[in-house]
Protein backbone atom coordinates (compact mmCIF):
# COMPACT_ATOMS: atom_id res chain seq x y z
CA MET A 1 110.79 25.43 341.42
CA THR A 2 112.69 28.40 340.02
CA TRP A 3 109.89 30.85 340.78
CA LEU A 4 109.59 29.49 344.31
CA ILE A 5 113.22 30.39 344.80
CA VAL A 6 112.62 33.82 343.32
CA SER A 7 109.63 34.56 345.56
CA ARG A 8 111.55 33.35 348.64
CA GLU A 9 114.51 35.62 347.83
CA ILE A 10 112.30 38.65 347.29
CA ARG A 11 110.54 38.04 350.61
CA GLU A 12 113.94 37.94 352.29
CA PHE A 13 114.88 41.26 350.70
CA TYR A 14 111.81 42.92 352.17
CA ARG A 15 111.95 41.09 355.50
CA ASP A 16 115.39 42.28 356.56
CA GLY A 17 114.82 45.81 355.21
CA ARG A 18 117.82 45.89 352.87
CA PHE A 19 115.76 46.47 349.75
CA LEU A 20 113.48 49.08 351.26
CA PHE A 21 116.37 51.06 352.72
CA GLY A 22 118.63 50.81 349.66
CA ALA A 23 115.84 51.36 347.13
CA GLY A 24 114.36 54.22 349.12
CA LEU A 25 117.69 56.03 349.27
CA ILE A 26 118.33 55.56 345.57
CA VAL A 27 114.79 56.67 344.65
CA VAL A 28 115.27 59.89 346.59
CA LEU A 29 118.60 60.52 344.85
CA PHE A 30 117.09 59.63 341.48
CA VAL A 31 114.16 62.01 341.81
CA THR A 32 116.45 64.79 343.02
CA ALA A 33 118.90 64.24 340.17
CA PHE A 34 116.12 64.07 337.58
CA LEU A 35 114.37 67.22 338.68
CA VAL A 36 117.53 69.26 339.14
CA GLY A 37 119.00 68.03 335.85
CA PHE A 38 115.78 68.65 333.95
CA GLU A 39 115.45 72.19 335.30
CA GLN A 40 119.06 72.98 334.45
CA ARG A 41 118.68 71.60 330.94
CA LYS A 42 115.51 73.62 330.36
CA ASN A 43 117.20 76.83 331.49
CA VAL A 44 120.35 76.27 329.46
CA PHE A 45 118.33 75.28 326.39
CA SER A 46 116.27 78.47 326.51
CA GLU A 47 119.36 80.61 327.14
CA ARG A 48 121.18 79.21 324.12
CA GLU A 49 118.14 79.54 321.89
CA VAL A 50 117.81 83.20 322.82
CA ALA A 51 121.56 83.80 322.50
CA GLN A 52 121.62 82.19 319.05
CA GLN A 53 118.79 84.42 317.83
CA LEU A 54 120.30 87.57 319.32
CA ASP A 55 123.69 86.89 317.79
CA TYR A 56 122.16 86.34 314.37
CA ASP A 57 120.10 89.50 314.76
CA ASP A 58 123.32 91.41 315.46
CA TRP A 59 124.79 90.00 312.26
CA ILE A 60 121.95 90.89 309.91
CA ASN A 61 121.47 94.33 311.50
CA GLN A 62 125.04 95.47 310.95
CA PRO A 63 125.50 98.91 309.39
CA GLU A 64 127.14 99.32 306.02
CA ARG A 65 130.75 98.24 306.34
CA HIS A 66 133.56 96.40 304.57
CA PRO A 67 132.71 92.68 304.32
CA HIS A 68 136.07 91.50 305.59
CA ASP A 69 135.73 93.64 308.71
CA ALA A 70 132.49 91.78 309.40
CA ALA A 71 134.28 88.46 308.84
CA HIS A 72 136.75 89.30 311.60
CA GLN A 73 133.89 90.15 313.89
CA GLY A 74 132.27 86.87 312.89
CA MET A 75 129.35 85.30 314.66
CA HIS A 76 128.79 82.81 317.45
CA VAL A 77 126.96 79.51 317.29
CA PHE A 78 125.71 77.67 320.35
CA LYS A 79 125.67 73.94 320.84
CA PRO A 80 122.12 72.60 321.39
CA ILE A 81 121.33 70.58 324.50
CA PRO A 82 120.36 66.95 323.70
CA PRO A 83 116.95 65.91 325.08
CA LEU A 84 118.45 63.21 327.33
CA SER A 85 121.40 65.22 328.59
CA PHE A 86 119.72 65.52 331.99
CA VAL A 87 120.02 61.73 332.30
CA ASP A 88 123.69 61.63 331.35
CA PRO A 89 125.46 64.96 330.66
CA GLY A 90 128.56 63.07 329.51
CA ILE A 91 131.37 65.41 328.50
CA THR A 92 129.06 68.39 328.05
CA ASN A 93 130.59 70.29 330.95
CA TYR A 94 134.12 69.75 329.66
CA VAL A 95 133.98 70.62 325.95
CA GLY A 96 132.26 73.98 325.92
CA SER A 97 129.08 75.32 324.42
CA THR A 98 129.97 78.20 322.08
CA GLN A 99 132.01 78.37 318.90
CA TRP A 100 133.22 81.63 317.40
CA LEU A 101 133.07 81.70 313.60
CA GLN A 102 135.78 84.15 312.62
CA ALA A 103 137.89 84.83 309.56
CA HIS A 104 140.83 82.65 308.46
CA ARG A 105 140.75 79.76 310.95
CA GLN A 106 138.66 77.42 313.00
CA THR A 107 138.41 77.98 316.75
CA GLU A 108 137.75 75.58 319.59
CA VAL A 109 134.42 75.39 321.37
CA LYS A 110 134.61 77.68 324.39
CA PHE A 111 132.98 78.34 327.76
CA ARG A 112 133.30 75.05 329.61
CA PRO A 113 131.20 74.88 332.80
CA ALA A 114 133.85 72.63 334.38
CA GLN A 115 136.24 75.59 334.45
CA ASP A 116 134.04 77.23 337.07
CA ALA A 117 133.41 74.05 339.08
CA THR A 118 135.04 73.13 342.37
CA GLY A 119 137.39 70.23 342.92
CA LEU A 120 134.48 68.10 344.12
CA GLN A 121 133.35 67.60 340.52
CA ARG A 122 136.18 65.15 339.94
CA PHE A 123 134.20 62.68 342.07
CA GLY A 124 131.23 62.93 339.71
CA SER A 125 128.01 64.89 339.52
CA LEU A 126 124.69 63.77 340.89
CA THR A 127 123.00 62.57 337.71
CA PRO A 128 120.74 59.59 337.00
CA ALA A 129 123.53 57.96 334.99
CA TRP A 130 126.01 58.40 337.84
CA ILE A 131 123.56 56.90 340.32
CA ILE A 132 123.00 53.78 338.18
CA GLN A 133 126.68 53.35 337.33
CA MET A 134 127.94 53.86 340.88
CA LEU A 135 125.11 52.96 343.25
CA GLY A 136 123.34 50.32 341.14
CA PRO A 137 126.14 47.75 341.62
CA LEU A 138 126.37 48.70 345.30
CA LEU A 139 122.67 47.97 345.78
CA ILE A 140 123.09 44.57 344.13
CA ILE A 141 126.03 43.85 346.41
CA ILE A 142 123.96 44.75 349.49
CA LEU A 143 121.09 42.54 348.34
CA GLY A 144 123.08 39.54 347.14
CA PHE A 145 126.37 39.29 349.04
CA ASN A 146 124.97 36.55 351.31
CA SER A 147 122.83 34.76 348.72
CA PHE A 148 124.83 31.53 349.05
CA SER A 149 127.31 32.25 351.82
CA GLY A 150 124.51 33.26 354.20
CA GLU A 151 122.56 30.05 353.53
CA ARG A 152 125.76 28.06 353.94
CA GLU A 153 126.26 29.59 357.39
CA GLN A 154 122.65 28.90 358.39
CA GLY A 155 122.72 25.34 357.08
CA THR A 156 119.80 25.82 354.71
CA LEU A 157 121.97 25.46 351.62
CA ARG A 158 122.82 21.84 352.45
CA GLN A 159 119.15 21.08 353.00
CA LEU A 160 118.20 22.48 349.61
CA ILE A 161 120.90 20.47 347.86
CA SER A 162 119.88 17.30 349.75
CA LEU A 163 116.29 17.77 348.53
CA GLY A 164 117.55 17.45 344.97
CA VAL A 165 117.33 21.11 343.97
CA PRO A 166 119.83 21.56 341.09
CA SER A 167 122.53 24.09 341.77
CA TRP A 168 121.90 25.85 338.49
CA LYS A 169 118.25 26.40 339.43
CA LEU A 170 119.37 27.99 342.68
CA LEU A 171 121.70 30.25 340.73
CA VAL A 172 119.06 31.23 338.17
CA GLY A 173 116.40 31.79 340.84
CA LYS A 174 118.61 34.03 342.93
CA ALA A 175 119.78 35.91 339.83
CA LEU A 176 116.18 36.51 338.75
CA ALA A 177 115.32 37.78 342.22
CA LEU A 178 118.16 40.29 342.09
CA PHE A 179 117.18 41.23 338.54
CA LEU A 180 113.54 41.82 339.51
CA GLY A 181 114.68 43.84 342.48
CA ALA A 182 116.70 46.10 340.21
CA LEU A 183 113.85 46.22 337.66
CA LEU A 184 111.24 47.11 340.27
CA LEU A 185 113.55 49.84 341.44
CA LEU A 186 113.94 51.26 337.94
CA ALA A 187 110.30 50.89 336.83
CA PRO A 188 108.84 53.99 338.53
CA LEU A 189 111.94 55.94 337.63
CA LEU A 190 111.55 55.05 333.96
CA MET A 191 108.05 56.51 334.08
CA LEU A 192 109.57 59.72 335.38
CA VAL A 193 112.14 59.69 332.59
CA PHE A 194 109.45 59.29 329.95
CA TRP A 195 107.37 62.08 331.43
CA ILE A 196 110.27 64.52 331.60
CA ALA A 197 111.88 63.49 328.31
CA PHE A 198 108.70 64.00 326.31
CA GLY A 199 107.60 67.09 328.19
CA ASP A 200 109.55 69.51 325.98
CA VAL A 201 110.69 67.35 323.07
CA GLN A 202 109.42 68.32 319.64
CA ALA A 203 107.00 65.88 318.08
CA GLY A 204 109.43 65.02 315.28
CA ASP A 205 112.12 63.99 317.78
CA ARG A 206 109.99 61.89 320.10
CA TYR A 207 110.43 58.67 318.15
CA ASP A 208 114.19 59.13 318.26
CA VAL A 209 114.12 59.85 322.00
CA LEU A 210 111.91 56.83 322.63
CA ILE A 211 114.39 54.52 320.91
CA ARG A 212 117.27 56.09 322.81
CA LEU A 213 115.46 55.51 326.11
CA GLY A 214 114.87 51.87 325.23
CA LEU A 215 118.50 51.35 324.29
CA LEU A 216 119.63 53.12 327.44
CA VAL A 217 117.51 50.84 329.63
CA LEU A 218 118.78 47.78 327.76
CA GLY A 219 122.39 48.80 328.26
CA TYR A 220 121.96 49.44 331.96
CA LEU A 221 120.19 46.11 332.46
CA VAL A 222 123.14 44.34 330.83
CA TYR A 223 125.49 46.31 333.06
CA LEU A 224 123.60 45.41 336.24
CA GLY A 225 123.35 41.80 335.03
CA ILE A 226 127.15 41.59 335.00
CA PHE A 227 127.25 42.56 338.67
CA ILE A 228 124.42 40.19 339.55
CA PHE A 229 126.36 37.14 338.38
CA MET A 230 129.60 38.50 339.80
CA VAL A 231 128.00 38.92 343.23
CA LEU A 232 126.53 35.42 343.11
CA THR A 233 129.87 33.93 342.06
CA VAL A 234 131.70 35.54 344.97
CA SER A 235 128.95 34.45 347.35
CA VAL A 236 129.35 30.85 346.14
CA LEU A 237 133.13 30.84 346.46
CA THR A 238 133.47 32.53 349.85
CA PRO A 239 132.87 30.59 353.08
CA ALA A 240 131.32 33.44 355.08
CA SER A 241 129.04 36.38 354.36
CA ARG A 242 131.35 38.99 355.82
CA ILE A 243 134.20 37.77 353.63
CA SER A 244 131.91 37.94 350.62
CA LEU A 245 130.89 41.48 351.53
CA VAL A 246 134.48 42.66 351.99
CA VAL A 247 135.58 41.15 348.66
CA LEU A 248 132.65 42.62 346.77
CA LEU A 249 133.12 46.07 348.29
CA ALA A 250 136.79 45.97 347.32
CA VAL A 251 135.82 45.03 343.76
CA TRP A 252 133.23 47.82 343.69
CA ILE A 253 135.71 50.45 344.88
CA ALA A 254 138.35 49.29 342.40
CA GLY A 255 135.98 49.00 339.46
CA THR A 256 133.84 52.11 339.88
CA ILE A 257 136.02 54.62 341.72
CA LEU A 258 139.70 53.88 341.12
CA ALA A 259 139.92 52.20 337.70
CA PRO A 260 138.04 54.83 335.63
CA ARG A 261 140.31 57.61 336.88
CA VAL A 262 143.51 55.60 336.52
CA LEU A 263 142.69 54.42 333.01
CA VAL A 264 141.95 57.96 331.85
CA ASP A 265 145.56 58.80 332.68
CA VAL A 266 146.75 55.56 331.06
CA ALA A 267 144.90 56.42 327.84
CA ARG A 268 146.43 59.90 327.82
CA THR A 269 149.89 58.39 328.24
CA VAL A 270 149.43 55.82 325.48
CA TYR A 271 147.80 58.33 323.12
CA PRO A 272 149.17 61.75 324.14
CA THR A 273 147.62 64.94 322.84
CA PRO A 274 149.18 68.41 322.65
CA ASN A 275 148.03 71.14 324.97
CA GLN A 276 146.28 74.18 323.53
CA VAL A 277 149.46 76.23 323.18
CA GLU A 278 151.31 73.42 321.39
CA PHE A 279 148.33 72.68 319.15
CA ASN A 280 147.95 76.32 318.09
CA ALA A 281 151.69 76.64 317.42
CA GLN A 282 151.71 73.52 315.24
CA LEU A 283 148.59 74.61 313.37
CA ASN A 284 149.92 78.11 312.77
CA GLN A 285 153.19 76.71 311.43
CA GLU A 286 151.33 74.42 309.04
CA LEU A 287 149.05 77.27 307.95
CA ARG A 288 152.03 79.47 307.10
CA LYS A 289 153.46 76.72 304.90
CA GLU A 290 150.15 76.21 303.10
CA TYR A 291 149.64 79.95 302.62
CA THR A 292 153.12 80.41 301.19
CA LYS A 293 152.66 77.51 298.80
CA ALA A 294 149.23 78.71 297.63
CA TRP A 295 150.34 82.32 297.08
CA LYS A 296 153.35 81.20 295.10
CA GLU A 297 151.19 78.98 292.86
CA HIS A 298 148.46 81.58 292.22
CA PHE A 299 150.30 84.91 292.34
CA GLY A 300 153.98 84.00 291.95
CA VAL A 301 154.93 85.60 295.29
CA GLU A 302 155.64 84.27 298.77
CA ASP A 303 154.94 87.47 300.70
CA ARG A 304 151.27 87.50 301.70
CA TRP A 305 149.38 90.76 301.39
CA GLY A 306 152.40 92.54 299.90
CA ALA A 307 152.55 95.26 297.28
CA ASP A 308 153.15 92.69 294.51
CA VAL A 309 149.47 91.71 294.65
CA PRO A 310 147.24 94.70 293.81
CA LEU A 311 144.35 95.61 296.07
CA SER A 312 141.94 94.78 293.28
CA ARG A 313 142.88 91.09 293.65
CA TRP A 314 142.62 90.86 297.41
CA GLY A 315 139.19 89.29 297.23
CA GLU A 316 140.71 86.54 295.10
CA ALA A 317 143.60 86.36 297.58
CA LEU A 318 141.17 85.78 300.42
CA GLN A 319 139.69 82.86 298.52
CA VAL A 320 143.13 81.38 297.94
CA ASP A 321 144.05 81.92 301.58
CA ASP A 322 140.92 80.28 302.87
CA GLN A 323 141.09 77.27 300.57
CA ALA A 324 144.73 76.67 301.48
CA GLY A 325 143.93 76.92 305.20
CA TYR A 326 141.02 74.47 305.06
CA ASN A 327 143.30 71.51 304.34
CA ALA A 328 145.67 72.32 307.21
CA ILE A 329 142.80 72.93 309.62
CA ASP A 330 141.12 69.64 308.70
CA ARG A 331 144.36 67.69 309.13
CA HIS A 332 145.23 69.12 312.54
CA PHE A 333 141.77 69.06 314.07
CA GLY A 334 141.13 65.64 312.55
CA ALA A 335 144.35 64.25 314.01
CA LEU A 336 143.53 65.71 317.43
CA TRP A 337 140.00 64.34 317.41
CA ASN A 338 141.21 60.93 316.24
CA ARG A 339 143.53 60.87 319.25
CA TYR A 340 140.56 61.45 321.52
CA ASP A 341 138.77 58.57 319.79
CA ASP A 342 141.82 56.35 320.37
CA GLN A 343 141.79 57.22 324.06
CA GLN A 344 138.10 56.37 324.25
CA ARG A 345 138.54 53.02 322.50
CA LEU A 346 141.36 52.07 324.85
CA GLN A 347 139.17 52.77 327.85
CA GLU A 348 136.33 50.79 326.29
CA PHE A 349 138.64 47.79 325.85
CA PHE A 350 139.25 47.65 329.59
CA GLY A 351 135.49 47.29 329.98
CA PHE A 352 136.08 43.52 329.89
CA VAL A 353 137.61 43.93 333.36
CA PHE A 354 135.87 47.09 334.56
CA PRO A 355 132.32 47.17 333.12
CA MET A 356 131.76 50.76 334.22
CA LEU A 357 134.10 51.94 331.47
CA SER A 358 131.94 50.29 328.83
CA VAL A 359 128.60 51.39 330.21
CA ARG A 360 129.84 54.95 330.64
CA SER A 361 130.86 55.11 326.99
CA TYR A 362 127.62 53.44 325.89
CA SER A 363 125.44 55.76 327.97
CA MET A 364 127.12 58.91 326.65
CA ALA A 365 126.75 57.75 323.05
CA ILE A 366 123.05 56.92 323.41
CA THR A 367 122.25 60.21 325.17
CA ALA A 368 124.24 62.13 322.50
CA THR A 369 126.66 63.59 325.05
CA ASP A 370 129.87 61.83 323.99
CA PHE A 371 132.76 63.19 321.97
CA SER A 372 131.55 61.83 318.64
CA HIS A 373 128.40 63.98 318.89
CA HIS A 374 130.45 66.96 319.98
CA ARG A 375 132.74 66.44 317.00
CA ASP A 376 129.74 66.39 314.68
CA PHE A 377 128.64 69.77 316.04
CA ALA A 378 132.13 71.25 315.66
CA VAL A 379 132.33 70.07 312.05
CA SER A 380 128.91 71.57 311.28
CA ALA A 381 129.93 74.88 312.85
CA GLU A 382 133.12 74.91 310.79
CA GLN A 383 131.16 74.32 307.60
CA HIS A 384 128.98 77.30 308.47
CA ARG A 385 132.09 79.42 309.02
CA ARG A 386 133.39 78.44 305.60
CA LEU A 387 130.03 79.35 304.08
CA MET A 388 130.40 82.79 305.61
CA GLN A 389 133.98 83.14 304.34
CA ASN A 390 133.06 82.08 300.82
CA LEU A 391 130.13 84.52 300.74
CA ILE A 392 132.36 87.42 301.75
CA SER A 393 135.25 86.48 299.46
CA ASN A 394 132.93 86.13 296.48
CA GLU A 395 131.48 89.56 297.21
CA LEU A 396 134.95 91.11 297.25
CA VAL A 397 135.94 89.38 294.02
CA GLU A 398 132.78 90.56 292.30
CA HIS A 399 133.25 94.19 293.39
CA ALA A 400 137.04 94.43 293.29
CA ASP A 401 137.59 95.90 289.81
CA GLY A 402 138.00 99.65 289.69
CA GLN A 403 138.44 100.12 293.40
CA GLY A 404 142.14 100.81 293.13
CA GLU A 405 143.71 102.31 296.23
CA HIS A 406 140.25 102.87 297.72
CA HIS A 407 139.53 99.15 297.91
CA PHE A 408 138.87 99.23 301.65
CA ASP A 409 136.34 102.00 301.23
CA TYR A 410 133.94 99.49 299.68
CA LYS A 411 130.93 98.80 301.88
CA VAL A 412 128.02 96.47 301.48
CA SER A 413 124.42 97.28 302.26
CA LYS A 414 122.36 95.68 305.01
CA GLU A 415 120.74 93.41 302.42
CA PHE A 416 124.03 91.58 302.03
CA TRP A 417 124.11 90.40 305.67
CA SER A 418 120.80 88.58 305.30
CA ARG A 419 122.30 86.36 302.60
CA MET A 420 124.09 84.52 305.37
CA PRO A 421 121.64 81.91 306.67
CA ARG A 422 121.11 81.33 310.34
CA PHE A 423 123.05 78.40 311.80
CA GLU A 424 120.69 75.44 312.11
CA TYR A 425 122.28 72.33 313.58
CA ALA A 426 120.62 68.98 312.86
CA ALA A 427 121.78 66.54 315.53
CA PRO A 428 122.65 63.00 314.38
CA SER A 429 119.95 60.35 314.58
CA VAL A 430 119.90 57.35 316.86
CA LEU A 431 121.58 55.29 314.11
CA PHE A 432 124.66 57.47 314.51
CA ALA A 433 124.60 56.76 318.26
CA LEU A 434 124.21 53.02 317.63
CA GLN A 435 127.27 52.95 315.40
CA ARG A 436 129.35 54.77 318.01
CA SER A 437 128.13 52.58 320.89
CA LEU A 438 128.34 49.19 319.19
CA ASN A 439 131.80 48.31 320.55
CA SER A 440 130.98 49.20 324.14
CA PHE A 441 127.67 47.31 324.01
CA ALA A 442 129.35 44.24 322.51
CA ILE A 443 131.96 44.32 325.28
CA MET A 444 129.23 44.50 327.93
CA CYS A 445 127.35 41.58 326.37
CA ALA A 446 130.53 39.50 326.20
CA THR A 447 131.31 40.32 329.83
CA LEU A 448 127.75 39.39 330.84
CA LEU A 449 128.05 36.05 329.06
CA PHE A 450 131.42 35.35 330.68
CA SER A 451 130.14 36.25 334.15
CA PHE A 452 127.10 33.99 333.68
CA VAL A 453 129.19 31.03 332.53
CA PHE A 454 131.68 31.54 335.36
CA ALA A 455 128.84 31.76 337.91
CA LEU A 456 127.27 28.59 336.46
CA LEU A 457 130.55 26.69 336.72
CA SER A 458 131.13 27.97 340.25
CA SER A 459 127.66 26.84 341.33
CA ARG A 460 128.64 23.21 340.69
CA LYS A 461 130.78 23.38 343.81
CA LEU A 462 127.56 23.52 345.81
CA VAL A 463 126.81 19.90 344.98
């Protein structure tokens, strides 16, 4: 009986042209978004690989010079592009791609593509994730808004109930039809994802990417399932199809267009963060306190780089300075990043009401384009900067004695620069992504269960 209902619903989808028109439009958008996103990712990936090698070549090919001068010049490290970033770029365009490793303090990741974008980007970019999150629910609404209300208007619903067809079987059959419609729509697109994702992924990463793809599909199916039961519930409770359509479109606009933007501002209000000027001022103030304390403990003076500390001990002073600054840097950047995590968790919590908030967070985590993955890169870059600082400070300590007033005349040979290893960033595994996405996935599953139960209870009114 259930599969008879499913086959009848699918025939109706094709007969009135709704599925063919809606699916055809989304397929075109999907293919366009995939190909454009893949090409952009490939270009950016190659550019950053070349830039990383050229910057390191500049470092190791430096002429003989004072080590601390080289530390102020520093080096640049470039954030790798995750393999699935063309599916969901997440916050990639907003957090930058390049970090400057310079002496004395950590810097923020720079060069954000969003800075060069137009105001249209606030409405979202054409990506596969955006299409599923925004247009997937709309397609389900178009297919299912009259599932019960339309049959009620035609009189066929009463006939089905009079024949003894249980209301829950009607609900399950219509839900399966909508689910298969969405699945058939995604099936050829998933093949395209697999082909593109594995086209340039290294063999050692393919297993990880495969698991991420599976988790991504699972999450989006749960997300679309929420809307399937929501659409069926509204169709049961409304007396006419046009009323059902108006209500569902209002819910779609509120849940996918308005709520995400409003709740971003709400999260910033509840968990405010300093702007860049304020953050730098607070960090610099804390650094001065730590420096003063460290110099007083090690050298008995409060004046940094004064005449009371001989030039022969300035290598040691650099070590003291750096070690004192590490604690302040970790506290301030850690507090700022924790605030961003608080904002994200608050938005995820509202996923019980607006599922798009949960699926957006889940999708970014699985595709490695969320803030937690960006934070991992920033921490790795900072560790590399500290490795560079320690290498230079140790060199100055080792060769400080006997330099006297000519301390700054000391120069290292080219061999010294090659002691600094090239920055190699190992991205977190899929287990890291699972840990970061567990809350959002649990919220989606709970919302799916609630929507199913509510739809099941509502269907009893058909009897």
